[in-house]
Amino acid sequence: MDIATTRSRQPPSLKSLWSIAVYALAITLTVGLSGCTIKKEGFKTDQHIVMVDGAGDLIDPRSNIPLADPNRGQHIPFWPYPPQPNPTAYAEHLLDSMGNRFSDIQKDGTPCKTEGAQSRKRIVLFIHGGMNTARDSIKRATDYSDMILADCTYPIFINWDSSLTSSYLDHLITLRQGRVAADWCCGAWKELGDGNWRHAGAKAAGYAATIVTTPVYLALDLMRGAIRFPVDIYGVYAEMLSTKWRGDRIAQAEQPSSWSWPDESCAKDHHIGITPRADQLLCESWYHSPRAYSIAQGFNERSTVETRSQIGFAVLTFPVHMASGFIIDATGTGAWSAMYRRTTAMFHRDDDLWSKDSHRKSTGGIASFMTAFRTFLDHHDGKDQWEVVIVGHSMGTIVVNEMVRQFGHPLESDPHHRPLFDKIIYMAAACSLRDYLNTIPHYLEEYQYEQDGETSPKMYHLMLQDHAEAAEQYGGISLPGSLLVWIDGFFARPDSPLDLVAGRYQNLLRIVHLHDTPSIRSRVSFKAFHSGNRTVETNPQTHGDFGNFPFWKEEFWRVTGEDPFSLRRLSPN
């Protein structure tokens, strides 16, 4: 009997298992090194990206390859990023780079500043939405930063872990009732006593709880997906039918310049809007009524052939929808819950909430950065020199609301009591109507001023056209409907209409009366884009399409002008 045969019958030793692990790591590193490089000449990740992991800790976005030079911009999919060794130094470096950049940039021979009697340097904080991998969010910053800088605007990308895979695994393995397993099973034990042994014991008990409950959670997810499946199918197709009824109501699909109402009272339905309330709001906007909000409503510009093709494809792929609907509900609901938790962990880490210190400050990565950001502006001429724009896409609007609540107040050095954020932009907002109403209208109401060319803060809502919202399909195989349709339908489990998402035109129209005060009307605008192949170059067509347009430009947000839908999509260089 030869040695090879003898060894084949023996169980693998620790050394052989270690060798297999090393080889697997080597293969992973090779794949990562060869195919996942994100690098652009002149772009430095640490000057434009603030990035946190699922626990809310600041991490290094330059690279996640162990022992490699982080400045080479190489990334391995599904590999954790290293923590920031010195978060304070990182924030100071990024903010100093911002200050130096404005000193260096020139446009037409003059320093980059915004227009107005009191010109200021503009900063855009961009927060992406759910189901973004770390690599995608880093690539977005790499692709678009030069374009934004060319427009005399300094971009800061707030990147957070919203990957669908990691979020679902968090729900399945790590989290229990919104808490990590160790806190869920025996948090009080470590909270009420001293000693590392208590923490170690709670952690060990957490591992045991995870092992016991993970199969149960998986079974419950599968059972829920199966039981709710008929409701989900009905919900998305009822949404498509409702959208068709609203579309059929519109008598003419022409540009606003052709609109006419019988009189300026706006009392009669004109079948221009998707509902009678939309008719009234559009009429008031057209006649510049004192009660008017600024509204630009896009139309369904799909041709007959395009419409019939979409319907035919939906019918043909119905069996696929059935399978995908089960998977989406079974996995997506838990993933949504974990993502939602992460939008708060970046401000309030678990350790902050379990600490015995009654004066503990929040140590979440974004909370720490925003504190440093406000300090920087305070020490560099404050709001006299800086304009701050905050843009949130999808679930990023949940983060926007938290940032407005915690950090939107005036800088300490500002004698004029001007708020931090000058413009707030929602793109396909996944936050609830309730979250929006509890945050933004109060902010606009509290801060009102007109001085030296500066104006009170403004709010911009950007949304898909209703037909685009209802008919979207991911990869052509998923249930119809955008992510917002799914959230309203089964991810978020709304308890009332106010728990529906704020990023859908039909939802927003129902609540405008709830912040209907003269000081707010003129500072809130609603813009729903056109849908259809003929409008693709100038209008977002899907939930994830907003990031393919110049989201930092006022022309993209505004509803005024001859054609508010003329700004073209981007071609990253």
Protein backbone atom coordinates (compact mmCIF):
# COMPACT_ATOMS: atom_id res chain seq x y z
CA MET A 1 0.00 0.00 0.00
CA ASP A 2 1.56 3.28 -1.03
CA ILE A 3 1.71 6.44 1.06
CA ALA A 4 -0.84 8.29 -1.11
CA THR A 5 -3.44 5.56 -0.57
CA THR A 6 -2.80 5.52 3.16
CA ARG A 7 -3.22 9.28 3.43
CA SER A 8 -6.42 9.26 1.41
CA ARG A 9 -8.09 7.10 4.05
CA GLN A 10 -7.07 9.31 6.96
CA PRO A 11 -9.14 12.31 8.11
CA PRO A 12 -7.67 15.67 7.08
CA SER A 13 -5.30 17.16 9.61
CA LEU A 14 -5.42 20.75 10.83
CA LYS A 15 -2.36 21.43 8.70
CA SER A 16 -4.07 20.19 5.54
CA LEU A 17 -7.18 22.19 6.33
CA TRP A 18 -5.02 25.25 6.86
CA SER A 19 -3.35 24.63 3.49
CA ILE A 20 -6.76 24.45 1.80
CA ALA A 21 -7.75 27.72 3.45
CA VAL A 22 -4.51 29.38 2.32
CA TYR A 23 -5.02 28.16 -1.26
CA ALA A 24 -8.61 29.42 -1.22
CA LEU A 25 -7.44 32.78 0.05
CA ALA A 26 -4.76 32.91 -2.63
CA ILE A 27 -7.32 32.21 -5.35
CA THR A 28 -9.66 34.84 -3.93
CA LEU A 29 -6.85 37.37 -3.79
CA THR A 30 -5.85 36.60 -7.37
CA VAL A 31 -9.40 37.11 -8.60
CA GLY A 32 -9.73 40.28 -6.58
CA LEU A 33 -6.40 41.68 -7.71
CA SER A 34 -7.11 41.03 -11.36
CA GLY A 35 -10.76 41.98 -11.72
CA CYS A 36 -11.83 44.43 -8.99
CA THR A 37 -9.61 47.47 -9.32
CA ILE A 38 -11.34 50.84 -8.93
CA LYS A 39 -8.88 53.58 -9.64
CA LYS A 40 -8.89 56.86 -11.53
CA GLU A 41 -6.04 59.22 -12.23
CA GLY A 42 -6.09 62.13 -9.81
CA PHE A 43 -8.94 60.73 -7.70
CA LYS A 44 -8.24 59.95 -4.06
CA THR A 45 -10.87 57.90 -2.28
CA ASP A 46 -10.01 59.28 1.13
CA GLN A 47 -10.80 62.83 -0.03
CA HIS A 48 -14.41 62.16 -1.04
CA ILE A 49 -15.77 59.04 0.70
CA VAL A 50 -16.92 58.50 4.27
CA MET A 51 -17.77 54.81 4.63
CA VAL A 52 -19.28 52.74 7.44
CA ASP A 53 -19.91 49.02 7.86
CA GLY A 54 -23.10 47.32 9.03
CA ALA A 55 -22.28 47.99 12.68
CA GLY A 56 -21.89 51.72 12.03
CA ASP A 57 -18.10 51.83 12.39
CA LEU A 58 -15.95 53.92 10.07
CA ILE A 59 -13.94 51.78 7.64
CA ASP A 60 -11.21 52.43 5.08
CA PRO A 61 -12.74 52.63 1.56
CA ARG A 62 -9.43 52.53 -0.30
CA SER A 63 -9.10 48.74 -0.44
CA ASN A 64 -10.17 45.60 1.41
CA ILE A 65 -7.34 43.30 0.32
CA PRO A 66 -5.26 42.22 3.33
CA LEU A 67 -1.60 43.25 3.34
CA ALA A 68 -1.96 45.02 -0.03
CA ASP A 69 -1.18 48.68 -0.70
CA PRO A 70 -4.59 50.36 -0.07
CA ASN A 71 -3.80 53.18 -2.50
CA ARG A 72 -3.95 50.75 -5.43
CA GLY A 73 -7.75 50.72 -5.15
CA GLN A 74 -8.25 46.95 -5.29
CA HIS A 75 -11.33 45.25 -3.88
CA ILE A 76 -12.53 41.71 -3.23
CA PRO A 77 -16.30 41.13 -3.39
CA PHE A 78 -17.90 40.05 -0.08
CA TRP A 79 -14.75 40.79 1.91
CA PRO A 80 -14.89 43.10 4.94
CA TYR A 81 -13.10 46.43 4.86
CA PRO A 82 -10.53 47.29 7.52
CA PRO A 83 -11.58 49.69 10.29
CA GLN A 84 -10.28 53.23 10.31
CA PRO A 85 -7.31 53.22 12.70
CA ASN A 86 -7.83 56.92 13.42
CA PRO A 87 -11.30 58.19 12.43
CA THR A 88 -10.56 61.72 13.64
CA ALA A 89 -7.44 62.01 11.48
CA TYR A 90 -9.35 60.62 8.48
CA ALA A 91 -12.13 63.20 8.82
CA GLU A 92 -9.63 66.02 9.26
CA HIS A 93 -7.72 64.91 6.15
CA LEU A 94 -10.89 64.78 4.03
CA LEU A 95 -12.12 68.18 5.22
CA ASP A 96 -8.71 69.82 4.81
CA SER A 97 -8.62 68.42 1.27
CA MET A 98 -11.99 70.03 0.63
CA GLY A 99 -10.76 73.40 1.86
CA ASN A 100 -7.58 73.18 -0.21
CA ARG A 101 -9.48 72.10 -3.31
CA PHE A 102 -11.63 75.22 -3.30
CA SER A 103 -8.50 77.30 -2.96
CA ASP A 104 -7.01 75.67 -6.07
CA ILE A 105 -9.96 75.25 -8.42
CA GLN A 106 -10.53 78.03 -10.94
CA LYS A 107 -13.45 78.48 -13.29
CA ASP A 108 -13.31 81.19 -15.96
CA GLY A 109 -10.55 82.80 -13.98
CA THR A 110 -12.60 83.20 -10.79
CA PRO A 111 -12.81 81.06 -7.65
CA CYS A 112 -15.52 78.41 -7.65
CA LYS A 113 -18.51 79.74 -5.76
CA THR A 114 -22.26 79.61 -6.16
CA GLU A 115 -24.24 82.42 -7.69
CA GLY A 116 -25.89 85.13 -5.64
CA ALA A 117 -25.21 88.37 -3.91
CA GLN A 118 -23.46 86.43 -1.19
CA SER A 119 -21.60 83.77 -3.20
CA ARG A 120 -20.58 80.66 -1.29
CA LYS A 121 -18.67 77.44 -1.87
CA ARG A 122 -20.99 74.50 -2.42
CA ILE A 123 -20.69 71.07 -0.79
CA VAL A 124 -22.90 68.15 -1.80
CA LEU A 125 -23.41 65.28 0.63
CA PHE A 126 -24.72 62.26 -1.29
CA ILE A 127 -26.21 59.22 0.47
CA HIS A 128 -26.99 56.18 -1.68
CA GLY A 129 -29.88 53.81 -1.12
CA GLY A 130 -30.37 50.15 -0.34
CA MET A 131 -29.04 47.17 -2.27
CA ASN A 132 -25.72 48.87 -3.09
CA THR A 133 -22.53 46.85 -2.71
CA ALA A 134 -19.44 48.52 -1.32
CA ARG A 135 -17.78 48.25 -4.70
CA ASP A 136 -20.70 49.92 -6.49
CA SER A 137 -20.78 52.82 -4.06
CA ILE A 138 -17.02 53.38 -4.35
CA LYS A 139 -17.20 53.19 -8.14
CA ARG A 140 -19.97 55.81 -8.21
CA ALA A 141 -17.80 58.24 -6.29
CA THR A 142 -14.84 57.49 -8.56
CA ASP A 143 -16.86 57.97 -11.74
CA TYR A 144 -18.64 61.20 -10.87
CA SER A 145 -16.37 63.20 -8.58
CA ASP A 146 -14.51 64.94 -11.40
CA MET A 147 -17.79 66.00 -13.04
CA ILE A 148 -19.07 67.40 -9.77
CA LEU A 149 -15.81 69.23 -9.09
CA ALA A 150 -15.95 70.73 -12.59
CA ASP A 151 -19.25 72.33 -11.56
CA CYS A 152 -17.57 74.08 -8.64
CA THR A 153 -19.11 71.68 -6.14
CA TYR A 154 -17.24 69.47 -3.70
CA PRO A 155 -18.78 65.98 -3.35
CA ILE A 156 -18.71 63.93 -0.17
CA PHE A 157 -20.19 60.44 -0.60
CA ILE A 158 -21.68 58.85 2.51
CA ASN A 159 -21.31 55.13 1.77
CA TRP A 160 -22.96 52.54 4.01
CA ASP A 161 -23.26 48.77 3.81
CA SER A 162 -26.62 48.15 2.14
CA SER A 163 -25.72 44.99 0.25
CA LEU A 164 -28.70 42.65 -0.15
CA THR A 165 -26.57 39.59 0.63
CA SER A 166 -24.93 40.88 3.80
CA SER A 167 -28.21 42.40 5.01
CA TYR A 168 -30.10 39.15 4.70
CA LEU A 169 -27.30 37.17 6.37
CA ASP A 170 -27.36 39.74 9.17
CA HIS A 171 -31.08 39.17 9.61
CA LEU A 172 -30.72 35.39 9.41
CA ILE A 173 -27.70 34.89 11.64
CA THR A 174 -26.70 37.97 13.62
CA LEU A 175 -29.83 39.93 14.56
CA ARG A 176 -32.74 39.00 16.76
CA GLN A 177 -35.63 41.44 17.26
CA GLY A 178 -33.47 44.37 16.17
CA ARG A 179 -30.58 43.45 18.49
CA VAL A 180 -27.45 41.39 18.05
CA ALA A 181 -27.93 37.90 19.42
CA ALA A 182 -25.77 38.49 22.53
CA ASP A 183 -27.86 41.51 23.56
CA TRP A 184 -31.11 39.77 22.68
CA CYS A 185 -30.50 36.74 24.84
CA CYS A 186 -28.68 38.21 27.82
CA GLY A 187 -28.00 41.91 27.37
CA ALA A 188 -29.17 42.75 30.88
CA TRP A 189 -26.63 40.33 32.35
CA LYS A 190 -23.66 42.23 30.91
CA GLU A 191 -25.33 45.61 31.38
CA LEU A 192 -25.93 45.22 35.12
CA GLY A 193 -22.57 43.79 36.08
CA ASP A 194 -18.86 44.46 35.69
CA GLY A 195 -16.07 42.37 34.29
CA ASN A 196 -15.00 41.14 30.89
CA TRP A 197 -16.16 37.66 31.82
CA ARG A 198 -19.77 38.87 31.67
CA HIS A 199 -19.28 40.19 28.15
CA ALA A 200 -17.51 37.00 27.12
CA GLY A 201 -20.33 34.93 28.60
CA ALA A 202 -22.99 37.00 26.83
CA LYS A 203 -21.09 36.64 23.56
CA ALA A 204 -20.85 32.87 23.97
CA ALA A 205 -24.55 32.70 24.78
CA GLY A 206 -25.20 34.80 21.69
CA TYR A 207 -23.38 32.27 19.52
CA ALA A 208 -25.47 29.49 21.05
CA ALA A 209 -28.67 31.48 20.44
CA THR A 210 -27.63 32.01 16.83
CA ILE A 211 -27.04 28.29 16.26
CA VAL A 212 -30.41 27.40 17.77
CA THR A 213 -32.52 30.13 16.14
CA THR A 214 -31.04 30.45 12.63
CA PRO A 215 -32.85 27.34 11.30
CA VAL A 216 -36.05 28.65 12.88
CA TYR A 217 -35.62 32.07 11.24
CA LEU A 218 -34.95 30.46 7.87
CA ALA A 219 -38.04 28.26 8.18
CA LEU A 220 -40.15 31.26 9.18
CA ASP A 221 -38.89 33.26 6.20
CA LEU A 222 -39.77 30.44 3.81
CA MET A 223 -43.18 29.94 5.43
CA ARG A 224 -43.92 33.67 5.29
CA GLY A 225 -42.92 33.83 1.63
CA ALA A 226 -45.24 30.93 0.82
CA ILE A 227 -48.19 32.16 2.90
CA ARG A 228 -47.97 35.75 1.72
CA PHE A 229 -47.34 34.82 -1.89
CA PRO A 230 -50.97 35.24 -3.11
CA VAL A 231 -51.19 38.63 -1.37
CA ASP A 232 -47.92 39.77 -2.95
CA ILE A 233 -48.99 38.70 -6.43
CA TYR A 234 -52.34 40.45 -6.05
CA GLY A 235 -50.67 43.58 -4.66
CA VAL A 236 -48.24 44.18 -7.52
CA TYR A 237 -50.77 43.47 -10.26
CA ALA A 238 -53.42 45.59 -8.53
CA GLU A 239 -50.80 48.35 -8.50
CA MET A 240 -50.34 48.01 -12.25
CA LEU A 241 -54.11 48.12 -12.79
CA SER A 242 -54.54 51.17 -10.54
CA THR A 243 -51.78 52.95 -12.43
CA LYS A 244 -53.53 52.19 -15.72
CA TRP A 245 -56.81 53.64 -14.39
CA ARG A 246 -55.03 56.80 -13.28
CA GLY A 247 -53.32 57.04 -16.65
CA ASP A 248 -56.59 56.57 -18.53
CA ARG A 249 -58.03 59.50 -16.59
CA ILE A 250 -55.57 61.96 -18.19
CA ALA A 251 -57.28 63.42 -21.23
CA GLN A 252 -54.21 64.95 -22.88
CA ALA A 253 -50.55 64.06 -22.64
CA GLU A 254 -48.98 67.27 -23.85
CA GLN A 255 -46.48 69.77 -22.52
CA PRO A 256 -47.67 72.12 -19.73
CA SER A 257 -47.56 75.07 -22.13
CA SER A 258 -50.75 73.70 -23.73
CA TRP A 259 -52.67 73.35 -20.49
CA SER A 260 -55.71 75.53 -19.88
CA TRP A 261 -58.32 75.61 -17.13
CA PRO A 262 -61.78 77.15 -17.33
CA ASP A 263 -60.81 79.74 -14.72
CA GLU A 264 -58.30 80.45 -11.99
CA SER A 265 -60.45 79.04 -9.23
CA CYS A 266 -59.11 75.52 -10.00
CA ALA A 267 -62.36 74.13 -8.70
CA LYS A 268 -63.08 71.88 -11.68
CA ASP A 269 -61.26 68.67 -12.56
CA HIS A 270 -59.45 69.06 -15.85
CA HIS A 271 -58.09 65.51 -16.11
CA ILE A 272 -54.50 66.66 -16.40
CA GLY A 273 -53.33 65.16 -13.11
CA ILE A 274 -53.50 61.53 -12.10
CA THR A 275 -56.21 62.34 -9.52
CA PRO A 276 -58.63 65.24 -8.89
CA ARG A 277 -56.29 66.48 -6.15
CA ALA A 278 -53.42 66.50 -8.67
CA ASP A 279 -55.62 68.57 -11.02
CA GLN A 280 -56.13 71.19 -8.35
CA LEU A 281 -52.47 71.34 -7.35
CA LEU A 282 -51.30 71.60 -10.97
CA CYS A 283 -53.83 74.34 -11.69
CA GLU A 284 -52.69 76.35 -8.66
CA SER A 285 -49.08 75.92 -9.73
CA TRP A 286 -49.91 77.02 -13.28
CA TYR A 287 -51.64 80.22 -12.13
CA HIS A 288 -49.01 80.90 -9.43
CA SER A 289 -51.66 80.92 -6.75
CA PRO A 290 -50.61 81.96 -3.23
CA ARG A 291 -51.55 78.42 -2.23
CA ALA A 292 -49.39 76.85 -4.92
CA TYR A 293 -46.64 74.30 -4.68
CA SER A 294 -44.20 74.04 -7.58
CA ILE A 295 -45.10 70.87 -9.48
CA ALA A 296 -43.85 69.30 -12.72
CA GLN A 297 -45.78 66.17 -13.61
CA GLY A 298 -44.34 63.92 -16.29
CA PHE A 299 -46.55 61.84 -18.55
CA ASN A 300 -46.67 58.31 -19.80
CA GLU A 301 -44.86 58.77 -23.13
CA ARG A 302 -44.78 55.10 -24.02
CA SER A 303 -45.87 54.27 -27.53
CA THR A 304 -48.65 51.75 -28.19
CA VAL A 305 -46.08 49.19 -29.36
CA GLU A 306 -44.00 49.73 -26.22
CA THR A 307 -47.02 49.39 -23.94
CA ARG A 308 -48.25 46.22 -25.61
CA SER A 309 -44.75 44.74 -25.57
CA GLN A 310 -44.46 45.33 -21.83
CA ILE A 311 -47.87 43.80 -21.18
CA GLY A 312 -47.08 40.80 -23.39
CA PHE A 313 -43.75 40.25 -21.68
CA ALA A 314 -45.42 40.45 -18.25
CA VAL A 315 -47.94 37.79 -19.29
CA LEU A 316 -45.28 35.48 -20.75
CA THR A 317 -43.07 35.72 -17.68
CA PHE A 318 -45.89 35.28 -15.14
CA PRO A 319 -44.64 31.82 -14.07
CA VAL A 320 -41.24 33.37 -13.39
CA HIS A 321 -42.93 36.11 -11.38
CA MET A 322 -44.47 33.45 -9.18
CA ALA A 323 -41.10 31.97 -8.32
CA SER A 324 -39.36 35.33 -7.92
CA GLY A 325 -42.22 36.66 -5.78
CA PHE A 326 -41.71 33.85 -3.27
CA ILE A 327 -37.95 34.49 -3.11
CA ILE A 328 -38.35 38.28 -2.88
CA ASP A 329 -40.73 38.07 0.07
CA ALA A 330 -38.83 35.28 1.83
CA THR A 331 -35.46 37.04 1.70
CA GLY A 332 -36.27 40.67 0.98
CA THR A 333 -38.38 41.38 4.03
CA GLY A 334 -35.62 40.35 6.43
CA ALA A 335 -32.98 42.15 4.37
CA TRP A 336 -35.06 45.35 4.43
CA SER A 337 -35.31 45.11 8.21
CA ALA A 338 -31.53 44.72 8.56
CA MET A 339 -30.87 47.62 6.16
CA TYR A 340 -33.29 49.82 8.08
CA ARG A 341 -31.41 49.03 11.28
CA ARG A 342 -28.13 50.04 9.63
CA THR A 343 -29.50 53.49 8.84
CA THR A 344 -29.57 54.13 12.58
CA ALA A 345 -26.42 52.19 13.56
CA MET A 346 -24.27 54.67 11.63
CA PHE A 347 -25.38 57.27 14.19
CA HIS A 348 -26.03 55.21 17.33
CA ARG A 349 -23.88 52.12 17.71
CA ASP A 350 -25.07 49.30 19.95
CA ASP A 351 -22.34 50.06 22.48
CA ASP A 352 -23.71 53.61 22.85
CA LEU A 353 -27.16 52.28 23.73
CA TRP A 354 -25.94 49.68 26.23
CA SER A 355 -23.37 51.94 27.91
CA LYS A 356 -23.71 52.75 31.62
CA ASP A 357 -22.55 56.32 30.94
CA SER A 358 -25.64 58.53 31.07
CA HIS A 359 -23.78 61.26 29.14
CA ARG A 360 -22.41 58.98 26.45
CA LYS A 361 -22.10 60.67 23.06
CA SER A 362 -23.01 58.84 19.88
CA THR A 363 -19.98 57.16 18.35
CA GLY A 364 -21.49 55.97 15.07
CA GLY A 365 -19.23 56.65 12.12
CA ILE A 366 -21.50 59.19 10.42
CA ALA A 367 -22.30 60.92 13.71
CA SER A 368 -18.56 61.33 14.35
CA PHE A 369 -17.93 62.63 10.83
CA MET A 370 -20.82 65.11 10.92
CA THR A 371 -19.54 66.46 14.23
CA ALA A 372 -16.13 67.03 12.62
CA PHE A 373 -17.82 68.50 9.53
CA ARG A 374 -19.71 71.08 11.56
CA THR A 375 -16.54 71.94 13.51
CA PHE A 376 -14.63 72.48 10.26
CA LEU A 377 -17.26 74.86 8.90
CA ASP A 378 -17.37 76.69 12.23
CA HIS A 379 -13.62 77.32 12.02
CA HIS A 380 -13.67 78.31 8.32
CA ASP A 381 -16.10 81.24 8.10
CA GLY A 382 -19.23 79.13 8.55
CA LYS A 383 -22.33 79.75 6.48
CA ASP A 384 -20.92 83.01 5.13
CA GLN A 385 -18.63 80.90 2.94
CA TRP A 386 -20.27 77.48 2.63
CA GLU A 387 -23.49 76.22 1.09
CA VAL A 388 -24.43 72.64 2.05
CA VAL A 389 -26.69 70.52 -0.17
CA ILE A 390 -27.79 67.06 0.96
CA VAL A 391 -29.02 64.49 -1.58
CA GLY A 392 -30.53 61.15 -0.59
CA HIS A 393 -31.57 58.35 -2.93
CA SER A 394 -34.08 55.68 -1.87
CA MET A 395 -33.17 54.47 1.64
CA GLY A 396 -30.57 57.22 1.73
CA THR A 397 -33.45 59.58 2.53
CA ILE A 398 -33.90 57.80 5.86
CA VAL A 399 -30.29 58.74 6.61
CA VAL A 400 -30.94 62.28 5.35
CA ASN A 401 -33.79 62.70 7.83
CA GLU A 402 -31.58 61.56 10.70
CA MET A 403 -28.82 63.95 9.63
CA VAL A 404 -31.29 66.84 9.44
CA ARG A 405 -32.66 66.06 12.89
CA GLN A 406 -29.29 65.63 14.58
CA PHE A 407 -27.01 68.00 12.66
CA GLY A 408 -29.18 70.45 10.73
CA HIS A 409 -29.22 73.12 13.44
CA PRO A 410 -27.20 76.34 13.02
CA LEU A 411 -23.47 76.42 13.59
CA GLU A 412 -22.42 77.81 16.94
CA SER A 413 -20.46 80.64 15.32
CA ASP A 414 -23.38 81.85 13.17
CA PRO A 415 -25.04 85.00 14.56
CA HIS A 416 -27.79 84.84 11.91
CA HIS A 417 -29.12 81.45 13.05
CA ARG A 418 -28.92 79.88 9.58
CA PRO A 419 -29.39 76.09 9.41
CA LEU A 420 -26.66 73.77 8.17
CA PHE A 421 -28.52 72.40 5.14
CA ASP A 422 -29.56 74.87 2.45
CA LYS A 423 -31.16 72.40 0.05
CA ILE A 424 -32.58 68.93 0.70
CA ILE A 425 -33.17 66.61 -2.24
CA TYR A 426 -35.13 63.36 -2.12
CA MET A 427 -34.66 61.03 -5.11
CA ALA A 428 -37.23 58.19 -5.12
CA ALA A 429 -37.46 58.42 -1.33
CA ALA A 430 -37.89 55.16 0.57
CA CYS A 431 -38.49 56.93 3.88
CA SER A 432 -42.08 56.91 5.05
CA LEU A 433 -44.46 59.82 4.72
CA ARG A 434 -44.55 59.91 8.51
CA ASP A 435 -40.76 60.20 8.77
CA TYR A 436 -40.78 62.96 6.17
CA LEU A 437 -43.59 64.92 7.85
CA ASN A 438 -41.97 64.59 11.28
CA THR A 439 -38.67 66.00 9.99
CA ILE A 440 -38.58 68.22 6.92
CA PRO A 441 -41.65 70.50 7.29
CA HIS A 442 -40.62 71.34 10.87
CA TYR A 443 -37.11 72.15 9.63
CA LEU A 444 -38.44 74.44 6.90
CA GLU A 445 -40.85 76.10 9.33
CA GLU A 446 -38.20 76.78 11.94
CA TYR A 447 -35.60 78.29 9.63
CA GLN A 448 -36.86 81.17 7.48
CA TYR A 449 -34.76 84.11 6.37
CA GLU A 450 -33.91 86.30 3.40
CA GLN A 451 -30.64 88.19 3.60
CA ASP A 452 -27.63 89.05 1.41
CA GLY A 453 -28.94 86.98 -1.48
CA GLU A 454 -29.39 83.87 0.66
CA THR A 455 -32.80 82.28 1.01
CA SER A 456 -34.51 79.90 3.39
CA PRO A 457 -33.78 76.17 2.96
CA LYS A 458 -35.69 74.40 0.19
CA MET A 459 -37.02 70.88 -0.32
CA TYR A 460 -37.03 69.04 -3.67
CA HIS A 461 -38.91 65.78 -4.33
CA LEU A 462 -37.82 63.81 -7.43
CA MET A 463 -39.93 60.79 -8.44
CA LEU A 464 -40.59 58.36 -11.25
CA GLN A 465 -43.72 58.62 -13.35
CA ASP A 466 -46.36 56.25 -11.99
CA HIS A 467 -46.30 53.94 -15.02
CA ALA A 468 -42.53 53.53 -14.72
CA GLU A 469 -42.94 52.81 -11.00
CA ALA A 470 -45.51 50.05 -11.55
CA ALA A 471 -43.98 48.37 -14.60
CA GLU A 472 -40.30 48.16 -13.58
CA GLN A 473 -38.74 44.69 -13.51
CA TYR A 474 -35.28 43.81 -12.23
CA GLY A 475 -33.50 41.73 -14.83
CA GLY A 476 -36.79 41.10 -16.60
CA ILE A 477 -37.66 38.24 -14.24
CA SER A 478 -38.75 39.79 -10.96
CA LEU A 479 -42.21 40.73 -9.83
CA PRO A 480 -43.35 43.94 -11.55
CA GLY A 481 -42.88 47.12 -9.58
CA SER A 482 -40.01 49.26 -8.37
CA LEU A 483 -38.39 48.81 -4.98
CA LEU A 484 -40.80 51.45 -3.62
CA VAL A 485 -43.77 49.39 -4.81
CA TRP A 486 -42.32 46.35 -3.03
CA ILE A 487 -41.73 48.34 0.16
CA ASP A 488 -45.31 49.56 0.19
CA GLY A 489 -46.56 46.12 -0.79
CA PHE A 490 -44.78 43.76 1.57
CA PHE A 491 -41.32 44.78 2.84
CA ALA A 492 -42.28 47.52 5.32
CA ARG A 493 -45.73 46.32 6.44
CA PRO A 494 -47.32 49.81 6.70
CA ASP A 495 -49.82 50.21 9.53
CA SER A 496 -51.47 53.29 8.00
CA PRO A 497 -51.28 55.36 4.79
CA LEU A 498 -48.72 57.60 6.50
CA ASP A 499 -46.35 54.61 6.62
CA LEU A 500 -46.21 54.39 2.82
CA VAL A 501 -43.04 55.62 1.14
CA ALA A 502 -42.59 59.33 0.38
CA GLY A 503 -40.96 58.74 -3.00
CA ARG A 504 -44.09 57.92 -4.97
CA TYR A 505 -46.03 60.73 -6.62
CA GLN A 506 -49.44 59.30 -5.76
CA ASN A 507 -48.46 58.99 -2.07
CA LEU A 508 -47.08 62.51 -1.76
CA LEU A 509 -50.15 64.14 -3.29
CA ARG A 510 -52.25 62.75 -0.45
CA ILE A 511 -50.32 64.50 2.33
CA VAL A 512 -49.49 67.98 0.99
CA HIS A 513 -52.29 69.47 3.11
CA LEU A 514 -50.48 68.26 6.24
CA HIS A 515 -47.72 70.85 5.77
CA ASP A 516 -49.88 73.42 4.04
CA THR A 517 -48.51 76.63 5.56
CA PRO A 518 -47.61 79.78 3.58
CA SER A 519 -43.99 79.73 4.73
CA ILE A 520 -43.46 76.22 3.33
CA ARG A 521 -45.45 76.10 0.08
CA SER A 522 -43.06 78.21 -1.95
CA ARG A 523 -40.07 76.18 -0.75
CA VAL A 524 -41.29 72.66 -1.56
CA SER A 525 -41.37 71.30 -5.11
CA PHE A 526 -42.53 68.01 -6.64
CA LYS A 527 -41.13 66.62 -9.88
CA ALA A 528 -42.31 63.36 -11.44
CA PHE A 529 -40.41 62.47 -14.62
CA HIS A 530 -41.76 61.26 -17.95
CA SER A 531 -41.73 57.53 -18.76
CA GLY A 532 -41.17 55.79 -22.09
CA ASN A 533 -38.33 54.92 -24.47
CA ARG A 534 -38.54 58.27 -26.24
CA THR A 535 -37.70 60.06 -22.97
CA VAL A 536 -34.86 57.80 -21.79
CA GLU A 537 -32.05 60.31 -22.36
CA THR A 538 -33.62 63.03 -20.23
CA ASN A 539 -35.75 61.20 -17.67
CA PRO A 540 -34.96 58.44 -15.12
CA GLN A 541 -36.92 55.30 -16.00
CA THR A 542 -36.19 52.99 -13.08
CA HIS A 543 -35.70 53.29 -9.34
CA GLY A 544 -31.92 52.98 -9.64
CA ASP A 545 -31.68 55.31 -12.64
CA PHE A 546 -31.54 58.59 -10.70
CA GLY A 547 -27.83 58.16 -10.04
CA ASN A 548 -27.21 58.19 -13.80
CA PHE A 549 -28.20 61.86 -13.98
CA PRO A 550 -26.40 64.96 -12.62
CA PHE A 551 -28.01 64.77 -9.19
CA TRP A 552 -25.91 67.69 -7.93
CA LYS A 553 -27.29 70.23 -10.44
CA GLU A 554 -30.17 72.56 -9.66
CA GLU A 555 -31.47 72.09 -13.20
CA PHE A 556 -32.14 68.46 -12.30
CA TRP A 557 -34.15 69.36 -9.20
CA ARG A 558 -36.03 72.45 -10.40
CA VAL A 559 -39.52 72.34 -11.85
CA THR A 560 -39.41 75.83 -13.34
CA GLY A 561 -38.28 76.88 -16.81
CA GLU A 562 -39.47 76.09 -20.31
CA ASP A 563 -38.51 72.43 -20.08
CA PRO A 564 -37.69 71.09 -16.61
CA PHE A 565 -37.00 67.65 -18.16
CA SER A 566 -34.17 68.62 -20.51
CA LEU A 567 -31.07 67.66 -18.52
CA ARG A 568 -29.42 64.63 -20.13
CA ARG A 569 -28.11 61.48 -18.48
CA LEU A 570 -24.43 61.11 -17.66
CA SER A 571 -21.67 59.24 -19.43
CA PRO A 572 -19.05 58.48 -16.74
CA ASN A 573 -15.53 59.07 -17.98
